[in-house]
Structure formats: structure tokens, C-alpha cells
Amino acid sequence: MDNLSLEINALERALLTMDQSQAESIVIGAMTKGTPIQIASELVSGTLQRIGDSWETGNLALSQVYMSGIICEEVIDKILPPSNPLRKNQPKMAIAVFEDYHLLGKRILYSTLRASGFELIDLGGGLSTDQLVEIVKNEKIKILLLSVLMLPSALRIKELKLNLLDTDVKIIVGGAPFRFDTELWKEVGADGMGKDSSDAIEIVTKLMEEKS
């Protein structure tokens, strides 16, 4: 596939100035260089990852990252609708904020995963152990991504895992407590931990390969 560095630079500028029409034009124009799923993964997701990295280093506001994700979701749905067979064949996957309502981190991850061609259910925030157990079992979720803000919420993932032992769901965690203590995810019984969107994509891809 042809190099997309020029398009990534241009898309980044369009997103940071919230120019949705320009962003759409850049993505649609890049379709001559690859398939829709390649453009989604390499151009759109690659640009979002770069923007996320800039936020991590303190060069961008979180609101800029958030709005970039919103715009990219809408662009992706135009070139690669949810029902499009080019979407990655995958186990049923969902994302949620566990017990609190700090939704920005989840929103960024959700946008980046969708921009990479994955489909997942956004369960929102403030969900308790009982609610998640019910959803996972009723919806037959196979991969559950959980974001937490506070340590007490992170510790209660152990209880959630125990209540889901009769399922084959894999729980991937992220958030401040797991960045501060990089071994905490193992202590609470999670199946993986991601520091950022790039980690999450890698983990989800590996789990899909294991389940295929």
C-alpha cells in the first residue's frame, strides 16, 4: 500500500481544527491508495494514535482528542458502515467504564478501535458488577474492555471476574490505577492491560487470533 504520511499530516490538521468536511475529503481521497479497511486502520487510526500521543505528552487538550474521535467515527461510518462485511470478523466485544462516570478515556479508545475496523458495543459508564455480569451473560460478550478511574473500582474487578467464571469472556482493563501499578491487572484477575489505544488494539487482535 502507498505511503500515507502526507494524508496523515493533513488529516491531523483537519481534526485539530475540527474541520469535518476537510477530514472526510482527505479520507475519501485516500481511497485510491488502499481498501476501506486499510484506510480506516492505517490512515484514520494512525492519525488518532498520533493525536493521542500528543495529548500524553501534554501538547494537546483532552477535548481535542475527544472531538477528533467523534469526527473520525462519523467519517468511518461513511466509508465502512457497521454492517459492512469488511469489518473485522471478531468475537462479540463491549467497552464500559466500571463504577464511575469518567467517560473521556473510554470514548477515545472506542473511537480508535472503531477506526481500526473493529465493532464493539458501548455500554457507557457507572456500571456495577451485577449489571456487567447480566450484560455479559445475556449478550454473550467474549471480550470486555473496562476503564476505571479509582483504585477501589479497580480492586472490585476481582469480584467481577469471579462472577463470570462460568463464561469464557476475556476482561481487558485500563485506566489510572493500572498505569500506576503495572502488576495490578494480574492481581485482580484480568486477562490483559492496556496503557493506551495502541496497546488495546494489539491485545484485542491477539485475543481474536486465539479465539479463531
N, C-alpha and C. Protein backbone atom coordinates (compact mmCIF):
# COMPACT_ATOMS: atom_id res chain seq x y z
N MET A 1 0.84 -1.20 0.00
CA MET A 1 0.00 0.00 0.00
C MET A 1 0.87 1.25 0.00
N ASP A 2 0.50 2.28 -0.76
CA ASP A 2 1.27 3.51 -0.85
C ASP A 2 1.38 4.19 0.51
N ASN A 3 2.49 4.94 0.67
CA ASN A 3 2.71 5.66 1.92
C ASN A 3 1.63 6.72 2.15
N LEU A 4 1.17 6.82 3.39
CA LEU A 4 0.08 7.75 3.70
C LEU A 4 0.53 8.89 4.61
N SER A 5 1.82 9.17 4.66
CA SER A 5 2.32 10.18 5.59
C SER A 5 1.75 11.56 5.30
N LEU A 6 1.61 11.92 4.03
CA LEU A 6 1.06 13.23 3.69
C LEU A 6 -0.40 13.33 4.13
N GLU A 7 -1.15 12.24 3.90
CA GLU A 7 -2.55 12.23 4.29
C GLU A 7 -2.72 12.27 5.81
N ILE A 8 -1.83 11.58 6.53
CA ILE A 8 -1.89 11.59 7.99
C ILE A 8 -1.65 13.01 8.51
N ASN A 9 -0.66 13.69 7.95
CA ASN A 9 -0.39 15.08 8.37
C ASN A 9 -1.60 15.97 8.11
N ALA A 10 -2.18 15.82 6.92
CA ALA A 10 -3.31 16.66 6.54
C ALA A 10 -4.54 16.34 7.39
N LEU A 11 -4.77 15.04 7.66
CA LEU A 11 -5.93 14.65 8.47
C LEU A 11 -5.76 15.14 9.91
N GLU A 12 -4.56 15.08 10.42
CA GLU A 12 -4.31 15.58 11.77
C GLU A 12 -4.65 17.07 11.86
N ARG A 13 -4.23 17.85 10.87
CA ARG A 13 -4.54 19.29 10.88
C ARG A 13 -6.05 19.52 10.83
N ALA A 14 -6.74 18.76 9.97
CA ALA A 14 -8.19 18.92 9.84
C ALA A 14 -8.90 18.58 11.13
N LEU A 15 -8.48 17.52 11.79
CA LEU A 15 -9.13 17.09 13.03
C LEU A 15 -8.90 18.10 14.15
N LEU A 16 -7.69 18.61 14.25
CA LEU A 16 -7.38 19.53 15.35
C LEU A 16 -8.03 20.89 15.16
N THR A 17 -8.42 21.20 13.93
CA THR A 17 -9.18 22.43 13.69
C THR A 17 -10.68 22.14 13.57
N MET A 18 -11.05 20.88 13.83
CA MET A 18 -12.44 20.42 13.81
C MET A 18 -13.11 20.69 12.47
N ASP A 19 -12.36 20.51 11.40
CA ASP A 19 -12.88 20.69 10.04
C ASP A 19 -13.34 19.34 9.51
N GLN A 20 -14.58 18.97 9.80
CA GLN A 20 -15.07 17.64 9.44
C GLN A 20 -15.14 17.44 7.94
N SER A 21 -15.57 18.44 7.19
CA SER A 21 -15.67 18.29 5.73
C SER A 21 -14.31 18.05 5.12
N GLN A 22 -13.29 18.73 5.61
CA GLN A 22 -11.93 18.52 5.11
C GLN A 22 -11.43 17.13 5.49
N ALA A 23 -11.75 16.70 6.70
CA ALA A 23 -11.34 15.36 7.14
C ALA A 23 -11.96 14.30 6.24
N GLU A 24 -13.25 14.44 5.94
CA GLU A 24 -13.92 13.49 5.04
C GLU A 24 -13.27 13.50 3.66
N SER A 25 -12.96 14.68 3.17
CA SER A 25 -12.35 14.80 1.84
C SER A 25 -11.00 14.09 1.79
N ILE A 26 -10.21 14.24 2.84
CA ILE A 26 -8.88 13.60 2.88
C ILE A 26 -9.02 12.09 2.90
N VAL A 27 -9.92 11.58 3.72
CA VAL A 27 -10.09 10.13 3.84
C VAL A 27 -10.63 9.55 2.54
N ILE A 28 -11.63 10.19 1.97
CA ILE A 28 -12.21 9.69 0.71
C ILE A 28 -11.17 9.76 -0.41
N GLY A 29 -10.38 10.84 -0.44
CA GLY A 29 -9.34 10.95 -1.46
C GLY A 29 -8.28 9.88 -1.34
N ALA A 30 -8.03 9.39 -0.11
CA ALA A 30 -7.02 8.36 0.10
C ALA A 30 -7.49 6.98 -0.32
N MET A 31 -8.77 6.84 -0.66
CA MET A 31 -9.32 5.53 -1.01
C MET A 31 -8.67 4.95 -2.26
N THR A 32 -8.01 5.78 -3.06
CA THR A 32 -7.31 5.28 -4.26
C THR A 32 -6.04 4.52 -3.87
N LYS A 33 -5.63 4.65 -2.62
CA LYS A 33 -4.36 4.04 -2.18
C LYS A 33 -4.55 2.72 -1.45
N GLY A 34 -5.79 2.34 -1.18
CA GLY A 34 -6.00 1.08 -0.47
C GLY A 34 -7.46 0.78 -0.28
N THR A 35 -7.73 -0.34 0.33
CA THR A 35 -9.11 -0.74 0.61
C THR A 35 -9.67 0.11 1.74
N PRO A 36 -11.00 0.16 1.89
CA PRO A 36 -11.57 0.92 3.00
C PRO A 36 -11.03 0.50 4.36
N ILE A 37 -10.85 -0.80 4.58
CA ILE A 37 -10.36 -1.23 5.89
C ILE A 37 -8.91 -0.81 6.10
N GLN A 38 -8.11 -0.77 5.02
CA GLN A 38 -6.73 -0.30 5.15
C GLN A 38 -6.69 1.18 5.48
N ILE A 39 -7.55 1.94 4.81
CA ILE A 39 -7.61 3.38 5.07
C ILE A 39 -8.07 3.64 6.49
N ALA A 40 -9.07 2.88 6.94
CA ALA A 40 -9.56 3.03 8.32
C ALA A 40 -8.46 2.74 9.33
N SER A 41 -7.74 1.66 9.11
CA SER A 41 -6.73 1.22 10.06
C SER A 41 -5.47 2.07 10.00
N GLU A 42 -4.95 2.29 8.79
CA GLU A 42 -3.65 2.94 8.66
C GLU A 42 -3.73 4.46 8.68
N LEU A 43 -4.73 5.03 8.02
CA LEU A 43 -4.84 6.48 7.98
C LEU A 43 -5.58 7.03 9.19
N VAL A 44 -6.81 6.59 9.38
CA VAL A 44 -7.64 7.17 10.43
C VAL A 44 -7.13 6.77 11.81
N SER A 45 -6.95 5.49 12.04
CA SER A 45 -6.47 5.04 13.35
C SER A 45 -5.07 5.55 13.61
N GLY A 46 -4.23 5.57 12.57
CA GLY A 46 -2.87 6.07 12.73
C GLY A 46 -2.84 7.53 13.13
N THR A 47 -3.73 8.32 12.55
CA THR A 47 -3.81 9.74 12.90
C THR A 47 -4.32 9.91 14.33
N LEU A 48 -5.34 9.16 14.70
CA LEU A 48 -5.86 9.24 16.07
C LEU A 48 -4.79 8.85 17.09
N GLN A 49 -3.99 7.87 16.75
CA GLN A 49 -2.93 7.45 17.67
C GLN A 49 -1.90 8.56 17.84
N ARG A 50 -1.57 9.23 16.74
CA ARG A 50 -0.62 10.34 16.83
C ARG A 50 -1.18 11.47 17.70
N ILE A 51 -2.47 11.77 17.52
CA ILE A 51 -3.11 12.81 18.33
C ILE A 51 -3.13 12.40 19.81
N GLY A 52 -3.41 11.12 20.07
CA GLY A 52 -3.38 10.62 21.44
C GLY A 52 -2.00 10.72 22.06
N ASP A 53 -0.98 10.45 21.28
CA ASP A 53 0.40 10.57 21.77
C ASP A 53 0.72 12.02 22.13
N SER A 54 0.22 12.96 21.32
CA SER A 54 0.47 14.38 21.60
C SER A 54 -0.22 14.80 22.89
N TRP A 55 -1.41 14.23 23.16
CA TRP A 55 -2.07 14.53 24.42
C TRP A 55 -1.28 13.96 25.60
N GLU A 56 -0.76 12.74 25.43
CA GLU A 56 0.01 12.11 26.51
C GLU A 56 1.22 12.95 26.89
N THR A 57 1.82 13.65 25.91
CA THR A 57 3.00 14.47 26.19
C THR A 57 2.62 15.90 26.61
N GLY A 58 1.33 16.16 26.73
CA GLY A 58 0.88 17.46 27.21
C GLY A 58 0.77 18.53 26.15
N ASN A 59 0.80 18.15 24.87
CA ASN A 59 0.78 19.14 23.79
C ASN A 59 -0.62 19.43 23.26
N LEU A 60 -1.60 18.64 23.68
CA LEU A 60 -2.98 18.86 23.23
C LEU A 60 -3.93 18.76 24.40
N ALA A 61 -5.06 19.42 24.27
CA ALA A 61 -6.12 19.30 25.28
C ALA A 61 -6.90 18.01 25.05
N LEU A 62 -7.43 17.45 26.12
CA LEU A 62 -8.21 16.22 26.01
C LEU A 62 -9.44 16.44 25.13
N SER A 63 -9.98 17.65 25.16
CA SER A 63 -11.14 17.95 24.33
C SER A 63 -10.83 17.81 22.84
N GLN A 64 -9.59 18.14 22.45
CA GLN A 64 -9.19 17.99 21.05
C GLN A 64 -9.13 16.51 20.65
N VAL A 65 -8.64 15.69 21.55
CA VAL A 65 -8.59 14.25 21.29
C VAL A 65 -10.01 13.70 21.19
N TYR A 66 -10.85 14.13 22.10
CA TYR A 66 -12.25 13.67 22.13
C TYR A 66 -12.98 14.02 20.83
N MET A 67 -12.89 15.29 20.41
CA MET A 67 -13.58 15.72 19.20
C MET A 67 -13.01 15.06 17.95
N SER A 68 -11.72 14.82 17.95
CA SER A 68 -11.10 14.11 16.82
C SER A 68 -11.70 12.72 16.69
N GLY A 69 -11.92 12.06 17.82
CA GLY A 69 -12.52 10.73 17.80
C GLY A 69 -13.94 10.76 17.29
N ILE A 70 -14.72 11.76 17.71
CA ILE A 70 -16.10 11.89 17.25
C ILE A 70 -16.15 12.05 15.73
N ILE A 71 -15.32 12.95 15.20
CA ILE A 71 -15.29 13.19 13.75
C ILE A 71 -14.89 11.92 13.01
N CYS A 72 -13.87 11.23 13.52
CA CYS A 72 -13.40 10.02 12.83
C CYS A 72 -14.45 8.92 12.82
N GLU A 73 -15.22 8.80 13.90
CA GLU A 73 -16.30 7.81 13.91
C GLU A 73 -17.28 8.06 12.78
N GLU A 74 -17.65 9.32 12.59
CA GLU A 74 -18.63 9.66 11.54
C GLU A 74 -18.03 9.43 10.15
N VAL A 75 -16.77 9.74 9.99
CA VAL A 75 -16.12 9.50 8.69
C VAL A 75 -16.04 8.01 8.40
N ILE A 76 -15.65 7.23 9.42
CA ILE A 76 -15.53 5.79 9.25
C ILE A 76 -16.87 5.16 8.88
N ASP A 77 -17.95 5.64 9.49
CA ASP A 77 -19.26 5.08 9.19
C ASP A 77 -19.69 5.36 7.76
N LYS A 78 -19.08 6.36 7.12
CA LYS A 78 -19.41 6.65 5.73
C LYS A 78 -18.64 5.74 4.77
N ILE A 79 -17.39 5.43 5.11
CA ILE A 79 -16.61 4.58 4.21
C ILE A 79 -16.70 3.10 4.58
N LEU A 80 -17.11 2.83 5.82
CA LEU A 80 -17.14 1.44 6.29
C LEU A 80 -18.29 1.27 7.28
N PRO A 81 -19.52 1.19 6.80
CA PRO A 81 -20.68 1.09 7.69
C PRO A 81 -20.57 -0.11 8.63
N PRO A 82 -21.25 -0.05 9.79
CA PRO A 82 -21.17 -1.15 10.76
C PRO A 82 -21.49 -2.52 10.19
N SER A 83 -22.39 -2.57 9.20
CA SER A 83 -22.78 -3.85 8.63
C SER A 83 -21.88 -4.29 7.48
N ASN A 84 -20.91 -3.46 7.14
CA ASN A 84 -20.04 -3.76 6.01
C ASN A 84 -19.26 -5.06 6.26
N PRO A 85 -19.26 -5.99 5.32
CA PRO A 85 -18.54 -7.26 5.53
C PRO A 85 -17.04 -7.09 5.68
N LEU A 86 -16.50 -5.90 5.34
CA LEU A 86 -15.08 -5.67 5.53
C LEU A 86 -14.71 -5.46 6.99
N ARG A 87 -15.71 -5.21 7.83
CA ARG A 87 -15.43 -5.12 9.26
C ARG A 87 -14.78 -6.42 9.73
N LYS A 88 -13.90 -6.31 10.68
CA LYS A 88 -13.15 -7.48 11.10
C LYS A 88 -14.07 -8.54 11.71
N ASN A 89 -13.88 -9.76 11.25
CA ASN A 89 -14.63 -10.89 11.81
C ASN A 89 -14.11 -11.13 13.22
N GLN A 90 -14.96 -10.97 14.21
CA GLN A 90 -14.46 -10.96 15.58
C GLN A 90 -15.49 -11.52 16.55
N PRO A 91 -15.01 -11.95 17.72
CA PRO A 91 -15.93 -12.30 18.81
C PRO A 91 -16.68 -11.05 19.25
N LYS A 92 -17.84 -11.21 19.88
CA LYS A 92 -18.62 -10.06 20.33
C LYS A 92 -17.87 -9.32 21.44
N MET A 93 -17.77 -8.00 21.28
CA MET A 93 -16.92 -7.20 22.14
C MET A 93 -17.69 -5.99 22.66
N ALA A 94 -17.39 -5.58 23.91
CA ALA A 94 -18.04 -4.41 24.51
C ALA A 94 -17.03 -3.62 25.32
N ILE A 95 -17.36 -2.34 25.55
CA ILE A 95 -16.49 -1.46 26.32
C ILE A 95 -17.35 -0.70 27.32
N ALA A 96 -16.81 -0.49 28.53
CA ALA A 96 -17.57 0.20 29.58
C ALA A 96 -16.62 0.86 30.57
N VAL A 97 -17.16 1.84 31.28
CA VAL A 97 -16.48 2.41 32.44
C VAL A 97 -17.06 1.74 33.68
N PHE A 98 -16.21 1.15 34.49
CA PHE A 98 -16.66 0.36 35.64
C PHE A 98 -16.84 1.25 36.86
N GLU A 99 -18.06 1.38 37.32
CA GLU A 99 -18.46 2.01 38.57
C GLU A 99 -18.42 3.54 38.60
N ASP A 100 -17.61 4.21 37.78
CA ASP A 100 -17.64 5.67 37.80
C ASP A 100 -18.08 6.19 36.43
N TYR A 101 -18.09 7.51 36.28
CA TYR A 101 -18.67 8.14 35.10
C TYR A 101 -17.65 8.98 34.33
N HIS A 102 -16.37 8.68 34.50
CA HIS A 102 -15.33 9.40 33.78
C HIS A 102 -15.21 8.78 32.39
N LEU A 103 -15.87 9.37 31.39
CA LEU A 103 -16.09 8.70 30.11
C LEU A 103 -15.12 9.08 29.01
N LEU A 104 -14.30 10.11 29.18
CA LEU A 104 -13.49 10.58 28.06
C LEU A 104 -12.48 9.53 27.58
N GLY A 105 -11.80 8.87 28.52
CA GLY A 105 -10.83 7.86 28.13
C GLY A 105 -11.47 6.72 27.35
N LYS A 106 -12.64 6.29 27.83
CA LYS A 106 -13.36 5.23 27.12
C LYS A 106 -13.75 5.68 25.72
N ARG A 107 -14.19 6.92 25.61
CA ARG A 107 -14.64 7.44 24.31
C ARG A 107 -13.49 7.44 23.30
N ILE A 108 -12.32 7.83 23.74
CA ILE A 108 -11.15 7.85 22.85
C ILE A 108 -10.81 6.44 22.39
N LEU A 109 -10.81 5.50 23.32
CA LEU A 109 -10.50 4.11 22.97
C LEU A 109 -11.55 3.54 22.03
N TYR A 110 -12.81 3.81 22.31
CA TYR A 110 -13.91 3.34 21.46
C TYR A 110 -13.74 3.85 20.03
N SER A 111 -13.45 5.14 19.90
CA SER A 111 -13.28 5.73 18.57
C SER A 111 -12.10 5.11 17.83
N THR A 112 -10.99 4.92 18.54
CA THR A 112 -9.80 4.38 17.89
C THR A 112 -10.01 2.94 17.45
N LEU A 113 -10.67 2.14 18.27
CA LEU A 113 -10.94 0.75 17.89
C LEU A 113 -11.86 0.68 16.67
N ARG A 114 -12.90 1.52 16.66
CA ARG A 114 -13.81 1.52 15.51
C ARG A 114 -13.09 2.00 14.26
N ALA A 115 -12.20 2.98 14.43
CA ALA A 115 -11.44 3.48 13.29
C ALA A 115 -10.49 2.42 12.74
N SER A 116 -10.15 1.44 13.57
CA SER A 116 -9.27 0.35 13.13
C SER A 116 -10.06 -0.81 12.54
N GLY A 117 -11.39 -0.66 12.43
CA GLY A 117 -12.20 -1.68 11.78
C GLY A 117 -12.91 -2.63 12.72
N PHE A 118 -12.78 -2.42 14.03
CA PHE A 118 -13.45 -3.29 15.00
C PHE A 118 -14.87 -2.77 15.26
N GLU A 119 -15.77 -3.70 15.57
CA GLU A 119 -17.10 -3.34 16.04
C GLU A 119 -17.22 -3.72 17.51
N LEU A 120 -17.75 -2.82 18.31
CA LEU A 120 -17.94 -3.12 19.72
C LEU A 120 -19.13 -2.33 20.26
N ILE A 121 -19.70 -2.85 21.33
CA ILE A 121 -20.86 -2.22 21.97
C ILE A 121 -20.38 -1.27 23.04
N ASP A 122 -20.85 -0.04 23.00
CA ASP A 122 -20.51 0.94 24.03
C ASP A 122 -21.56 0.85 25.14
N LEU A 123 -21.17 0.36 26.30
CA LEU A 123 -22.10 0.17 27.41
C LEU A 123 -22.20 1.39 28.32
N GLY A 124 -21.40 2.41 28.07
CA GLY A 124 -21.47 3.62 28.87
C GLY A 124 -20.69 3.52 30.17
N GLY A 125 -21.13 4.27 31.20
CA GLY A 125 -20.39 4.31 32.45
C GLY A 125 -21.28 4.06 33.66
N GLY A 126 -20.63 3.97 34.81
CA GLY A 126 -21.36 3.79 36.05
C GLY A 126 -21.92 2.41 36.26
N LEU A 127 -21.41 1.42 35.54
CA LEU A 127 -21.96 0.06 35.64
C LEU A 127 -21.40 -0.68 36.84
N SER A 128 -22.27 -1.38 37.54
CA SER A 128 -21.88 -2.17 38.70
C SER A 128 -21.50 -3.59 38.27
N THR A 129 -20.97 -4.35 39.24
CA THR A 129 -20.64 -5.74 38.98
C THR A 129 -21.86 -6.52 38.51
N ASP A 130 -22.97 -6.40 39.22
CA ASP A 130 -24.18 -7.14 38.87
C ASP A 130 -24.67 -6.78 37.47
N GLN A 131 -24.62 -5.50 37.12
CA GLN A 131 -25.07 -5.08 35.79
C GLN A 131 -24.18 -5.67 34.70
N LEU A 132 -22.88 -5.64 34.92
CA LEU A 132 -21.96 -6.16 33.91
C LEU A 132 -22.10 -7.67 33.76
N VAL A 133 -22.26 -8.36 34.87
CA VAL A 133 -22.45 -9.81 34.80
C VAL A 133 -23.69 -10.15 33.98
N GLU A 134 -24.77 -9.44 34.22
CA GLU A 134 -26.01 -9.68 33.49
C GLU A 134 -25.83 -9.40 32.00
N ILE A 135 -25.18 -8.29 31.66
CA ILE A 135 -24.99 -7.93 30.25
C ILE A 135 -24.10 -8.95 29.55
N VAL A 136 -22.99 -9.30 30.17
CA VAL A 136 -22.05 -10.24 29.55
C VAL A 136 -22.73 -11.57 29.26
N LYS A 137 -23.53 -12.05 30.22
CA LYS A 137 -24.19 -13.34 30.03
C LYS A 137 -25.32 -13.26 29.02
N ASN A 138 -26.13 -12.22 29.09
CA ASN A 138 -27.27 -12.09 28.17
C ASN A 138 -26.82 -11.83 26.74
N GLU A 139 -25.79 -11.00 26.59
CA GLU A 139 -25.32 -10.62 25.25
C GLU A 139 -24.24 -11.55 24.71
N LYS A 140 -23.78 -12.48 25.58
CA LYS A 140 -22.71 -13.42 25.19
C LYS A 140 -21.46 -12.67 24.74
N ILE A 141 -21.06 -11.69 25.55
CA ILE A 141 -19.86 -10.92 25.27
C ILE A 141 -18.63 -11.80 25.46
N LYS A 142 -17.71 -11.74 24.52
CA LYS A 142 -16.50 -12.55 24.59
C LYS A 142 -15.26 -11.75 24.99
N ILE A 143 -15.26 -10.45 24.68
CA ILE A 143 -14.16 -9.57 25.07
C ILE A 143 -14.76 -8.32 25.69
N LEU A 144 -14.39 -8.04 26.95
CA LEU A 144 -14.92 -6.89 27.67
C LEU A 144 -13.77 -5.97 28.04
N LEU A 145 -13.83 -4.73 27.53
CA LEU A 145 -12.81 -3.74 27.86
C LEU A 145 -13.36 -2.82 28.94
N LEU A 146 -12.64 -2.70 30.05
CA LEU A 146 -13.10 -1.90 31.18
C LEU A 146 -12.11 -0.79 31.51
N SER A 147 -12.65 0.43 31.64
CA SER A 147 -11.86 1.57 32.07
C SER A 147 -12.26 1.93 33.49
N VAL A 148 -11.26 2.19 34.35
CA VAL A 148 -11.55 2.61 35.73
C VAL A 148 -10.72 3.83 36.07
N LEU A 149 -11.25 4.64 36.96
CA LEU A 149 -10.55 5.86 37.38
C LEU A 149 -9.94 5.73 38.77
N MET A 150 -10.64 5.04 39.68
CA MET A 150 -10.21 4.98 41.07
C MET A 150 -9.76 3.56 41.45
N LEU A 151 -8.84 3.49 42.41
CA LEU A 151 -8.32 2.20 42.86
C LEU A 151 -9.40 1.28 43.42
N PRO A 152 -10.35 1.75 44.23
CA PRO A 152 -11.39 0.83 44.73
C PRO A 152 -12.16 0.14 43.60
N SER A 153 -12.43 0.88 42.52
CA SER A 153 -13.12 0.27 41.38
C SER A 153 -12.24 -0.79 40.74
N ALA A 154 -10.96 -0.50 40.62
CA ALA A 154 -10.02 -1.47 40.02
C ALA A 154 -9.99 -2.75 40.83
N LEU A 155 -9.98 -2.63 42.15
CA LEU A 155 -9.91 -3.81 43.01
C LEU A 155 -11.16 -4.67 42.91
N ARG A 156 -12.30 -4.03 42.63
CA ARG A 156 -13.55 -4.80 42.54
C ARG A 156 -13.67 -5.58 41.23
N ILE A 157 -12.74 -5.39 40.33
CA ILE A 157 -12.74 -6.21 39.11
C ILE A 157 -12.50 -7.68 39.46
N LYS A 158 -11.81 -7.92 40.57
CA LYS A 158 -11.60 -9.31 41.01
C LYS A 158 -12.93 -9.98 41.29
N GLU A 159 -13.84 -9.27 41.94
CA GLU A 159 -15.17 -9.81 42.21
C GLU A 159 -15.93 -10.04 40.91
N LEU A 160 -15.81 -9.10 39.98
CA LEU A 160 -16.47 -9.25 38.69
C LEU A 160 -15.97 -10.49 37.98
N LYS A 161 -14.68 -10.69 37.98
CA LYS A 161 -14.09 -11.86 37.32
C LYS A 161 -14.61 -13.16 37.94
N LEU A 162 -14.69 -13.20 39.24
CA LEU A 162 -15.18 -14.40 39.93
C LEU A 162 -16.63 -14.70 39.56
N ASN A 163 -17.42 -13.65 39.36
CA ASN A 163 -18.82 -13.84 39.00
C ASN A 163 -19.01 -14.22 37.53
N LEU A 164 -17.93 -14.20 36.78
CA LEU A 164 -18.00 -14.54 35.36
C LEU A 164 -17.20 -15.80 35.03
N LEU A 165 -16.88 -16.58 36.05
CA LEU A 165 -16.07 -17.77 35.82
C LEU A 165 -16.79 -18.81 34.98
N ASP A 166 -18.12 -18.75 34.96
CA ASP A 166 -18.87 -19.72 34.15
C ASP A 166 -19.04 -19.24 32.70
N THR A 167 -18.33 -18.19 32.33
CA THR A 167 -18.34 -17.71 30.95
C THR A 167 -16.91 -17.79 30.39
N ASP A 168 -16.78 -17.55 29.09
CA ASP A 168 -15.44 -17.53 28.51
C ASP A 168 -15.01 -16.11 28.13
N VAL A 169 -15.60 -15.10 28.79
CA VAL A 169 -15.27 -13.72 28.49
C VAL A 169 -13.84 -13.40 28.93
N LYS A 170 -13.16 -12.59 28.13
CA LYS A 170 -11.84 -12.09 28.47
C LYS A 170 -11.98 -10.62 28.87
N ILE A 171 -11.40 -10.25 30.01
CA ILE A 171 -11.51 -8.89 30.53
C ILE A 171 -10.19 -8.16 30.35
N ILE A 172 -10.24 -7.05 29.62
CA ILE A 172 -9.08 -6.21 29.39
C ILE A 172 -9.31 -4.90 30.13
N VAL A 173 -8.34 -4.47 30.92
CA VAL A 173 -8.53 -3.30 31.77
C VAL A 173 -7.57 -2.17 31.40
N GLY A 174 -7.95 -0.97 31.81
CA GLY A 174 -7.11 0.20 31.61
C GLY A 174 -7.56 1.32 32.52
N GLY A 175 -6.74 2.34 32.63
CA GLY A 175 -7.07 3.46 33.50
C GLY A 175 -5.95 3.75 34.47
N ALA A 176 -6.09 4.85 35.21
CA ALA A 176 -5.02 5.34 36.07
C ALA A 176 -4.46 4.32 37.06
N PRO A 177 -5.30 3.55 37.79
CA PRO A 177 -4.72 2.62 38.77
C PRO A 177 -3.79 1.58 38.13
N PHE A 178 -4.09 1.19 36.91
CA PHE A 178 -3.27 0.17 36.25
C PHE A 178 -2.01 0.75 35.63
N ARG A 179 -2.02 2.07 35.38
CA ARG A 179 -0.78 2.71 34.92
C ARG A 179 0.17 2.95 36.09
N PHE A 180 -0.40 3.24 37.27
CA PHE A 180 0.43 3.46 38.45
C PHE A 180 1.06 2.17 38.95
N ASP A 181 0.29 1.09 38.88
CA ASP A 181 0.77 -0.23 39.33
C ASP A 181 0.61 -1.20 38.17
N THR A 182 1.69 -1.46 37.47
CA THR A 182 1.61 -2.24 36.24
C THR A 182 1.36 -3.73 36.48
N GLU A 183 1.37 -4.16 37.74
CA GLU A 183 1.06 -5.56 38.06
C GLU A 183 -0.35 -5.73 38.61
N LEU A 184 -1.06 -4.62 38.81
CA LEU A 184 -2.38 -4.68 39.43
C LEU A 184 -3.37 -5.50 38.62
N TRP A 185 -3.28 -5.43 37.28
CA TRP A 185 -4.24 -6.17 36.45
C TRP A 185 -4.17 -7.67 36.72
N LYS A 186 -2.97 -8.17 37.02
CA LYS A 186 -2.83 -9.60 37.33
C LYS A 186 -3.46 -9.90 38.69
N GLU A 187 -3.30 -9.00 39.64
CA GLU A 187 -3.83 -9.21 40.99
C GLU A 187 -5.35 -9.29 40.99
N VAL A 188 -6.00 -8.54 40.09
CA VAL A 188 -7.48 -8.55 40.06
C VAL A 188 -8.02 -9.59 39.10
N GLY A 189 -7.14 -10.35 38.46
CA GLY A 189 -7.59 -11.45 37.62
C GLY A 189 -7.97 -11.09 36.20
N ALA A 190 -7.58 -9.89 35.75
CA ALA A 190 -7.87 -9.50 34.37
C ALA A 190 -7.02 -10.33 33.40
N ASP A 191 -7.44 -10.34 32.15
CA ASP A 191 -6.74 -11.12 31.13
C ASP A 191 -5.74 -10.28 30.34
N GLY A 192 -5.71 -8.99 30.60
CA GLY A 192 -4.77 -8.12 29.93
C GLY A 192 -4.95 -6.69 30.37
N MET A 193 -3.93 -5.85 30.11
CA MET A 193 -4.00 -4.44 30.49
C MET A 193 -3.38 -3.61 29.37
N GLY A 194 -4.08 -2.52 29.02
CA GLY A 194 -3.56 -1.62 28.00
C GLY A 194 -3.34 -0.23 28.57
N LYS A 195 -2.18 0.35 28.27
CA LYS A 195 -1.89 1.71 28.74
C LYS A 195 -2.53 2.75 27.84
N ASP A 196 -2.72 2.38 26.55
CA ASP A 196 -3.28 3.34 25.60
C ASP A 196 -4.00 2.58 24.49
N SER A 197 -4.46 3.32 23.48
CA SER A 197 -5.22 2.71 22.39
C SER A 197 -4.39 1.72 21.60
N SER A 198 -3.13 2.02 21.41
CA SER A 198 -2.26 1.12 20.66
C SER A 198 -2.15 -0.23 21.35
N ASP A 199 -1.98 -0.21 22.68
CA ASP A 199 -1.93 -1.46 23.45
C ASP A 199 -3.24 -2.23 23.30
N ALA A 200 -4.36 -1.51 23.38
CA ALA A 200 -5.67 -2.16 23.32
C ALA A 200 -5.87 -2.87 21.98
N ILE A 201 -5.49 -2.21 20.90
CA ILE A 201 -5.63 -2.81 19.57
C ILE A 201 -4.79 -4.08 19.47
N GLU A 202 -3.58 -4.02 19.99
CA GLU A 202 -2.69 -5.19 19.95
C GLU A 202 -3.26 -6.35 20.76
N ILE A 203 -3.79 -6.04 21.95
CA ILE A 203 -4.34 -7.09 22.81
C ILE A 203 -5.59 -7.71 22.19
N VAL A 204 -6.48 -6.86 21.68
CA VAL A 204 -7.72 -7.36 21.07
C VAL A 204 -7.40 -8.22 19.86
N THR A 205 -6.46 -7.78 19.05
CA THR A 205 -6.06 -8.56 17.86
C THR A 205 -5.54 -9.93 18.26
N LYS A 206 -4.73 -9.97 19.31
CA LYS A 206 -4.17 -11.24 19.78
C LYS A 206 -5.27 -12.16 20.31
N LEU A 207 -6.22 -11.60 21.07
CA LEU A 207 -7.33 -12.41 21.59
C LEU A 207 -8.19 -12.96 20.47
N MET A 208 -8.40 -12.16 19.42
CA MET A 208 -9.18 -12.63 18.29
C MET A 208 -8.50 -13.80 17.60
N GLU A 209 -7.17 -13.73 17.49
CA GLU A 209 -6.42 -14.83 16.88
C GLU A 209 -6.54 -16.10 17.71
N GLU A 210 -6.52 -15.95 19.04
CA GLU A 210 -6.63 -17.10 19.93
C GLU A 210 -8.01 -17.74 19.86
N LYS A 211 -9.05 -16.91 19.65
CA LYS A 211 -10.43 -17.41 19.64
C LYS A 211 -10.85 -17.91 18.27
N SER A 212 -10.06 -17.63 17.23
CA SER A 212 -10.46 -18.02 15.87
C SER A 212 -10.14 -19.48 15.61
